[in-house]
C-alpha atoms as a PDB file:
ATOM      1  CA  MET A   1       0.021   0.340   0.132  1.00  0.00           C
ATOM      2  CA  LYS A   2       1.539   2.984  -1.267  1.00  0.00           C
ATOM      3  CA  ILE A   3       1.035   6.341   1.048  1.00  0.00           C
ATOM      4  CA  VAL A   4      -0.500   9.668   0.987  1.00  0.00           C
ATOM      5  CA  ALA A   5       1.099  12.231   3.949  1.00  0.00           C
ATOM      6  CA  PRO A   6      -0.804  15.554   4.146  1.00  0.00           C
ATOM      7  CA  SER A   7       1.799  18.068   5.680  1.00  0.00           C
ATOM      8  CA  MET A   8       0.006  19.830   7.866  1.00  0.00           C
ATOM      9  CA  LEU A   9       2.044  22.973   7.876  1.00  0.00           C
ATOM     10  CA  SER A  10      -0.689  24.068   5.026  1.00  0.00           C
ATOM     11  CA  CYS A  11      -3.820  23.259   7.303  1.00  0.00           C
ATOM     12  CA  ASN A  12      -6.057  25.841   8.679  1.00  0.00           C
ATOM     13  CA  PHE A  13      -4.564  26.429  12.274  1.00  0.00           C
ATOM     14  CA  SER A  14      -7.546  28.392  13.684  1.00  0.00           C
ATOM     15  CA  GLU A  15      -8.959  24.990  13.371  1.00  0.00           C
ATOM     16  CA  LEU A  16      -6.334  22.330  14.327  1.00  0.00           C
ATOM     17  CA  GLY A  17      -8.996  19.743  15.824  1.00  0.00           C
ATOM     18  CA  ASP A  18     -10.911  19.600  12.826  1.00  0.00           C
ATOM     19  CA  GLU A  19      -7.973  19.160  10.575  1.00  0.00           C
ATOM     20  CA  ILE A  20      -6.819  16.626  12.631  1.00  0.00           C
ATOM     21  CA  GLU A  21      -9.837  14.910  12.179  1.00  0.00           C
ATOM     22  CA  MET A  22     -10.424  15.593   8.640  1.00  0.00           C
ATOM     23  CA  VAL A  23      -6.680  14.084   7.992  1.00  0.00           C
ATOM     24  CA  ASN A  24      -7.988  10.712  10.593  1.00  0.00           C
ATOM     25  CA  LYS A  25     -11.334   9.978   8.914  1.00  0.00           C
ATOM     26  CA  SER A  26      -9.719   9.980   5.001  1.00  0.00           C
ATOM     27  CA  LYS A  27      -6.999   7.516   3.476  1.00  0.00           C
ATOM     28  CA  ALA A  28      -3.588   9.119   4.453  1.00  0.00           C
ATOM     29  CA  GLY A  29      -2.088   6.821   5.939  1.00  0.00           C
ATOM     30  CA  TRP A  30       0.596   9.636   8.214  1.00  0.00           C
ATOM     31  CA  PHE A  31       0.071  13.222   8.981  1.00  0.00           C
ATOM     32  CA  HIS A  32       3.545  15.125   7.946  1.00  0.00           C
ATOM     33  CA  LEU A  33       5.434  17.190  10.718  1.00  0.00           C
ATOM     34  CA  ASP A  34       7.937  19.675   9.410  1.00  0.00           C
ATOM     35  CA  ILE A  35       9.128  20.817  12.333  1.00  0.00           C
ATOM     36  CA  MET A  36      12.001  24.411  12.054  1.00  0.00           C
ATOM     37  CA  ASP A  37      13.981  26.553  13.134  1.00  0.00           C
ATOM     38  CA  GLY A  38      14.669  29.481  11.094  1.00  0.00           C
ATOM     39  CA  VAL A  39      17.671  28.382  10.998  1.00  0.00           C
ATOM     40  CA  PHE A  40      18.848  25.529   8.781  1.00  0.00           C
ATOM     41  CA  VAL A  41      15.537  26.779   6.802  1.00  0.00           C
ATOM     42  CA  PRO A  42      14.262  30.254   6.655  1.00  0.00           C
ATOM     43  CA  ASN A  43      11.405  29.565   8.277  1.00  0.00           C
ATOM     44  CA  ILE A  44      10.301  28.746  11.796  1.00  0.00           C
ATOM     45  CA  THR A  45       6.696  26.350  11.995  1.00  0.00           C
ATOM     46  CA  PHE A  46       5.734  24.805  15.001  1.00  0.00           C
ATOM     47  CA  GLY A  47       7.219  23.350  18.301  1.00  0.00           C
ATOM     48  CA  THR A  48       6.386  21.352  21.953  1.00  0.00           C
ATOM     49  CA  PRO A  49       3.464  22.561  22.153  1.00  0.00           C
ATOM     50  CA  ILE A  50       1.511  21.850  18.729  1.00  0.00           C
ATOM     51  CA  LEU A  51       3.283  17.867  18.562  1.00  0.00           C
ATOM     52  CA  GLU A  52       1.668  17.482  22.032  1.00  0.00           C
ATOM     53  CA  ILE A  53      -2.101  18.239  19.975  1.00  0.00           C
ATOM     54  CA  PHE A  54      -1.095  15.638  17.501  1.00  0.00           C
ATOM     55  CA  ASN A  55       0.065  13.731  20.013  1.00  0.00           C
ATOM     56  CA  SER A  56      -3.513  13.819  21.550  1.00  0.00           C
ATOM     57  CA  LEU A  57      -5.395  13.587  18.745  1.00  0.00           C
ATOM     58  CA  GLY A  58      -4.179  11.873  16.037  1.00  0.00           C
ATOM     59  CA  LYS A  59      -4.271   7.910  15.166  1.00  0.00           C
ATOM     60  CA  LYS A  60      -1.935   8.050  13.196  1.00  0.00           C
ATOM     61  CA  HIS A  61       1.394   7.542  12.671  1.00  0.00           C
ATOM     62  CA  LEU A  62       3.322  10.822  13.050  1.00  0.00           C
ATOM     63  CA  ASP A  63       5.752  11.653  10.828  1.00  0.00           C
ATOM     64  CA  MET A  64       7.820  14.011  12.218  1.00  0.00           C
ATOM     65  CA  HIS A  65      10.564  15.594   9.431  1.00  0.00           C
ATOM     66  CA  LEU A  66      13.291  17.922  11.218  1.00  0.00           C
ATOM     67  CA  MET A  67      14.162  20.802   9.763  1.00  0.00           C
ATOM     68  CA  ILE A  68      16.649  22.043  12.583  1.00  0.00           C
ATOM     69  CA  ILE A  69      20.470  21.674  13.515  1.00  0.00           C
ATOM     70  CA  ASN A  70      21.397  20.167  15.835  1.00  0.00           C
ATOM     71  CA  PRO A  71      19.390  17.551  15.681  1.00  0.00           C
ATOM     72  CA  GLU A  72      20.119  15.145  18.363  1.00  0.00           C
ATOM     73  CA  LYS A  73      18.958  17.419  20.934  1.00  0.00           C
ATOM     74  CA  TYR A  74      15.702  17.301  20.575  1.00  0.00           C
ATOM     75  CA  ILE A  75      15.188  13.645  19.607  1.00  0.00           C
ATOM     76  CA  GLU A  76      14.558  11.724  22.409  1.00  0.00           C
ATOM     77  CA  LYS A  77      11.802  14.652  22.886  1.00  0.00           C
ATOM     78  CA  PHE A  78      10.094  14.300  19.699  1.00  0.00           C
ATOM     79  CA  ALA A  79       9.956  10.753  20.193  1.00  0.00           C
ATOM     80  CA  GLY A  80       8.116  11.129  24.807  1.00  0.00           C
ATOM     81  CA  LEU A  81       5.386  13.897  21.766  1.00  0.00           C
ATOM     82  CA  GLY A  82       4.667   9.964  19.980  1.00  0.00           C
ATOM     83  CA  ALA A  83       6.439  10.677  16.621  1.00  0.00           C
ATOM     84  CA  ASP A  84       6.672   6.567  14.906  1.00  0.00           C
ATOM     85  CA  THR A  85       8.808   8.257  12.744  1.00  0.00           C
ATOM     86  CA  ILE A  86      11.574  11.232  13.082  1.00  0.00           C
ATOM     87  CA  THR A  87      13.301  12.052   9.362  1.00  0.00           C
ATOM     88  CA  VAL A  88      16.899  14.855  10.316  1.00  0.00           C
ATOM     89  CA  HIS A  89      18.346  16.270   6.666  1.00  0.00           C
ATOM     90  CA  TYR A  90      21.904  14.981   5.636  1.00  0.00           C
ATOM     91  CA  GLU A  91      22.869  18.268   5.700  1.00  0.00           C
ATOM     92  CA  ALA A  92      22.647  18.860   8.720  1.00  0.00           C
ATOM     93  CA  CYS A  93      24.017  16.256  10.723  1.00  0.00           C
ATOM     94  CA  ASP A  94      27.556  15.739  11.473  1.00  0.00           C
ATOM     95  CA  ASP A  95      27.423  12.200  12.661  1.00  0.00           C
ATOM     96  CA  LEU A  96      24.829  11.078  11.172  1.00  0.00           C
ATOM     97  CA  GLU A  97      25.315   7.007  11.283  1.00  0.00           C
ATOM     98  CA  LYS A  98      25.052   8.194  15.240  1.00  0.00           C
ATOM     99  CA  ILE A  99      21.679   9.425  15.502  1.00  0.00           C
ATOM    100  CA  ILE A 100      20.470   7.515  13.353  1.00  0.00           C
ATOM    101  CA  GLY A 101      21.025   4.513  15.909  1.00  0.00           C
ATOM    102  CA  ASP A 102      20.049   7.169  19.125  1.00  0.00           C
ATOM    103  CA  ILE A 103      16.456   7.735  16.651  1.00  0.00           C
ATOM    104  CA  LYS A 104      16.396   3.144  16.448  1.00  0.00           C
ATOM    105  CA  LYS A 105      17.655   3.161  20.612  1.00  0.00           C
ATOM    106  CA  LEU A 106      13.863   4.724  21.418  1.00  0.00           C
ATOM    107  CA  GLY A 107      12.062   2.435  18.705  1.00  0.00           C
ATOM    108  CA  VAL A 108      11.084   5.159  16.662  1.00  0.00           C
ATOM    109  CA  LYS A 109      11.377   4.746  13.207  1.00  0.00           C
ATOM    110  CA  ALA A 110      15.006   6.502  11.324  1.00  0.00           C
ATOM    111  CA  GLY A 111      14.963   8.558   7.880  1.00  0.00           C
ATOM    112  CA  VAL A 112      17.240  11.099   6.366  1.00  0.00           C
ATOM    113  CA  ALA A 113      16.429  13.549   4.101  1.00  0.00           C
ATOM    114  CA  ILE A 114      18.624  15.371   1.338  1.00  0.00           C
ATOM    115  CA  ASN A 115      18.174  18.260   0.277  1.00  0.00           C
ATOM    116  CA  PRO A 116      17.762  18.845  -4.236  1.00  0.00           C
ATOM    117  CA  ASN A 117      21.421  19.351  -4.776  1.00  0.00           C
ATOM    118  CA  THR A 118      22.970  16.205  -2.384  1.00  0.00           C
ATOM    119  CA  ASP A 119      24.023  13.687  -4.418  1.00  0.00           C
ATOM    120  CA  VAL A 120      21.627  10.444  -3.728  1.00  0.00           C
ATOM    121  CA  SER A 121      24.613   8.809  -3.674  1.00  0.00           C
ATOM    122  CA  LEU A 122      26.251   9.377  -0.469  1.00  0.00           C
ATOM    123  CA  LEU A 123      23.803   7.921   1.632  1.00  0.00           C
ATOM    124  CA  ASP A 124      24.025   4.031  -0.690  1.00  0.00           C
ATOM    125  CA  HIS A 125      26.409   2.913   2.782  1.00  0.00           C
ATOM    126  CA  LEU A 126      23.432   4.231   5.050  1.00  0.00           C
ATOM    127  CA  LEU A 127      21.078   1.762   3.251  1.00  0.00           C
ATOM    128  CA  GLU A 128      20.692  -0.465   5.005  1.00  0.00           C
ATOM    129  CA  GLU A 129      20.307   1.143   8.471  1.00  0.00           C
ATOM    130  CA  ILE A 130      17.955   3.913   7.862  1.00  0.00           C
ATOM    131  CA  ASP A 131      14.290   3.285   7.363  1.00  0.00           C
ATOM    132  CA  LEU A 132      13.132   6.225   5.157  1.00  0.00           C
ATOM    133  CA  VAL A 133      14.697   8.709   2.758  1.00  0.00           C
ATOM    134  CA  CYS A 134      12.594  11.767   2.086  1.00  0.00           C
ATOM    135  CA  LEU A 135      13.911  12.919  -1.115  1.00  0.00           C
ATOM    136  CA  MET A 136      13.289  16.885  -1.287  1.00  0.00           C
ATOM    137  CA  SER A 137      11.380  17.588  -4.724  1.00  0.00           C
ATOM    138  CA  VAL A 138      11.270  21.673  -3.548  1.00  0.00           C
ATOM    139  CA  PHE A 139      14.169  22.925  -1.134  1.00  0.00           C
ATOM    140  CA  PRO A 140      13.152  22.944   2.287  1.00  0.00           C
ATOM    141  CA  GLY A 141      11.593  26.092   3.904  1.00  0.00           C
ATOM    142  CA  PHE A 142       7.832  27.029   2.386  1.00  0.00           C
ATOM    143  CA  SER A 143       4.775  25.185   1.930  1.00  0.00           C
ATOM    144  CA  GLY A 144       3.460  26.133  -2.143  1.00  0.00           C
ATOM    145  CA  GLN A 145       7.037  25.463  -3.602  1.00  0.00           C
ATOM    146  CA  LYS A 146       7.065  24.299  -7.432  1.00  0.00           C
ATOM    147  CA  PHE A 147       7.533  20.696  -8.115  1.00  0.00           C
ATOM    148  CA  ILE A 148      11.866  19.916  -9.448  1.00  0.00           C
ATOM    149  CA  PRO A 149      11.763  17.765 -12.198  1.00  0.00           C
ATOM    150  CA  GLU A 150      14.996  16.800 -11.908  1.00  0.00           C
ATOM    151  CA  THR A 151      13.217  14.426  -8.835  1.00  0.00           C
ATOM    152  CA  PHE A 152      12.418  12.007 -11.630  1.00  0.00           C
ATOM    153  CA  PRO A 153      15.811  10.733 -11.789  1.00  0.00           C
ATOM    154  CA  ARG A 154      17.118  10.894  -8.144  1.00  0.00           C
ATOM    155  CA  LEU A 155      14.622   8.875  -8.015  1.00  0.00           C
ATOM    156  CA  LYS A 156      15.072   6.603 -10.390  1.00  0.00           C
ATOM    157  CA  GLU A 157      18.966   6.189  -9.024  1.00  0.00           C
ATOM    158  CA  LEU A 158      18.158   6.467  -5.559  1.00  0.00           C
ATOM    159  CA  LYS A 159      15.636   2.870  -6.014  1.00  0.00           C
ATOM    160  CA  ARG A 160      18.356   1.117  -7.813  1.00  0.00           C
ATOM    161  CA  MET A 161      20.605   1.731  -5.080  1.00  0.00           C
ATOM    162  CA  ILE A 162      18.153   0.307  -2.814  1.00  0.00           C
ATOM    163  CA  ASN A 163      17.307  -2.810  -4.634  1.00  0.00           C
ATOM    164  CA  GLU A 164      21.038  -3.404  -5.288  1.00  0.00           C
ATOM    165  CA  LYS A 165      20.943  -3.227  -1.526  1.00  0.00           C
ATOM    166  CA  ASN A 166      18.317  -5.405  -1.047  1.00  0.00           C
ATOM    167  CA  THR A 167      16.347  -2.681   1.793  1.00  0.00           C
ATOM    168  CA  ASN A 168      13.602  -2.557   3.015  1.00  0.00           C
ATOM    169  CA  THR A 169      14.096   1.395   3.101  1.00  0.00           C
ATOM    170  CA  LEU A 170      10.812   3.126   1.370  1.00  0.00           C
ATOM    171  CA  ILE A 171      11.198   5.744   0.008  1.00  0.00           C
ATOM    172  CA  GLN A 172       9.388   9.353   0.336  1.00  0.00           C
ATOM    173  CA  ILE A 173       8.747  12.385  -1.948  1.00  0.00           C
ATOM    174  CA  ASP A 174       8.237  16.413  -0.392  1.00  0.00           C
ATOM    175  CA  GLY A 175       7.783  18.810  -2.243  1.00  0.00           C
ATOM    176  CA  GLY A 176       5.260  19.508  -5.180  1.00  0.00           C
ATOM    177  CA  VAL A 177       3.545  16.216  -5.034  1.00  0.00           C
ATOM    178  CA  SER A 178      -0.111  16.761  -6.698  1.00  0.00           C
ATOM    179  CA  LEU A 179      -2.137  14.237  -9.178  1.00  0.00           C
ATOM    180  CA  ASN A 180       0.331  15.658 -12.104  1.00  0.00           C
ATOM    181  CA  ASN A 181       3.259  13.481 -10.706  1.00  0.00           C
ATOM    182  CA  ALA A 182       1.596  11.084  -7.936  1.00  0.00           C
ATOM    183  CA  GLN A 183       1.371   8.612 -10.516  1.00  0.00           C
ATOM    184  CA  GLU A 184       4.795   8.596 -12.711  1.00  0.00           C
ATOM    185  CA  LEU A 185       7.009   8.967  -8.260  1.00  0.00           C
ATOM    186  CA  ILE A 186       5.599   6.279  -7.313  1.00  0.00           C
ATOM    187  CA  SER A 187       6.590   4.387 -10.829  1.00  0.00           C
ATOM    188  CA  LEU A 188       9.427   5.234 -10.258  1.00  0.00           C
ATOM    189  CA  GLY A 189       9.918   3.656  -7.137  1.00  0.00           C
ATOM    190  CA  ALA A 190       8.452   6.265  -4.460  1.00  0.00           C
ATOM    191  CA  ASP A 191       6.364   4.863  -1.671  1.00  0.00           C
ATOM    192  CA  VAL A 192       4.856   8.029   0.484  1.00  0.00           C
ATOM    193  CA  LEU A 193       4.006  11.388  -0.876  1.00  0.00           C
ATOM    194  CA  VAL A 194       3.766  14.272   1.058  1.00  0.00           C
ATOM    195  CA  ALA A 195       1.249  17.319  -0.600  1.00  0.00           C
ATOM    196  CA  GLY A 196       0.696  20.332   2.025  1.00  0.00           C
ATOM    197  CA  SER A 197      -0.680  23.010  -0.486  1.00  0.00           C
ATOM    198  CA  PHE A 198      -2.517  20.720  -3.180  1.00  0.00           C
ATOM    199  CA  VAL A 199      -4.392  18.888   0.135  1.00  0.00           C
ATOM    200  CA  PHE A 200      -5.536  21.907   2.203  1.00  0.00           C
ATOM    201  CA  LYS A 201      -5.874  24.452  -0.705  1.00  0.00           C
ATOM    202  CA  SER A 202      -8.563  22.690  -2.748  1.00  0.00           C
ATOM    203  CA  ASP A 203     -12.127  22.558  -1.920  1.00  0.00           C
ATOM    204  CA  SER A 204     -12.379  19.534  -0.770  1.00  0.00           C
ATOM    205  CA  PRO A 205      -8.935  18.282   1.329  1.00  0.00           C
ATOM    206  CA  LYS A 206     -10.539  15.056   2.254  1.00  0.00           C
ATOM    207  CA  GLU A 207     -11.531  14.244  -1.493  1.00  0.00           C
ATOM    208  CA  THR A 208      -8.325  15.453  -2.070  1.00  0.00           C
ATOM    209  CA  ILE A 209      -6.419  13.057  -0.153  1.00  0.00           C
ATOM    210  CA  GLU A 210      -8.445  10.175  -1.159  1.00  0.00           C
ATOM    211  CA  LYS A 211      -7.688  11.419  -5.325  1.00  0.00           C
ATOM    212  CA  LEU A 212      -4.331  10.904  -4.870  1.00  0.00           C
ATOM    213  CA  HIS A 213      -4.939   8.102  -2.532  1.00  0.00           C
ATOM    214  CA  SER A 214      -6.667   6.276  -5.660  1.00  0.00           C
ATOM    215  CA  ALA A 215      -3.925   6.951  -8.266  1.00  0.00           C
ATOM    216  CA  ILE A 216      -1.509   5.695  -6.202  1.00  0.00           C
ATOM    217  CA  ASN A 217      -3.127   2.317  -5.106  1.00  0.00           C
END
C-alpha cells in the first residue's frame, strides 16, 4: 500500500482539531509534521505545544521531519511526543550514523532527508540502517513551491541503490506533489507522497486525499 502523508504545515491552524480529525477520517496513512528552526531553513514552524496536540488527537502515524540544526538534542523529546518516524537532514548532521542509531534505540523509525542539490549516492552506505529516505523535491523552508523535475532521475537512482542493497527502505517524496506527478513518482519507486498545499488549498481536502490515494494504489 502506497501512502499519502498530508503536510500539516499547510492546514488551517485556527481549526487545528478539525483538520486533524479530517485526516484521521481520510485515506491518508500518515501525518507529516515539518519542524523548522529558522536557522537550517528560513522559516519557523510549530514546536512542542502543537506536537502535543497531534499526539493527543492524531490517530495515524506521526512522521516528524526535522529541518533543524543539532537535531540530536531534540530526538528524545520528539520521540516522547509520539513520533513514529523521525527524519533528520543529511546536511544538518555532523555524525549522521550516531543520530540514526540514537533514533532507533528509542523505538522510532529513522529517516534521512536530502535536499535537491545533495547527491543521492552519499546515502549508499546508510541504506541498510535507515527506514526511510525523504527525497526533497523542493528546497525546504516554505510550502507551495513548484516540484523540481530533476527529482525523477534522482528517485530512479535512489530506487536502484535500494534494490541493489535489497533493503526495505521506504522512499518519501516531499514538495510539489499533486495528481500531475503522483503516478509517475510511484512508478519510479516512491512509497510515501507528502502533499501540503495541493491538499489543504483545495476545495475539499478530504476528497483530494482520496483522489491521491486512489491514483497511487
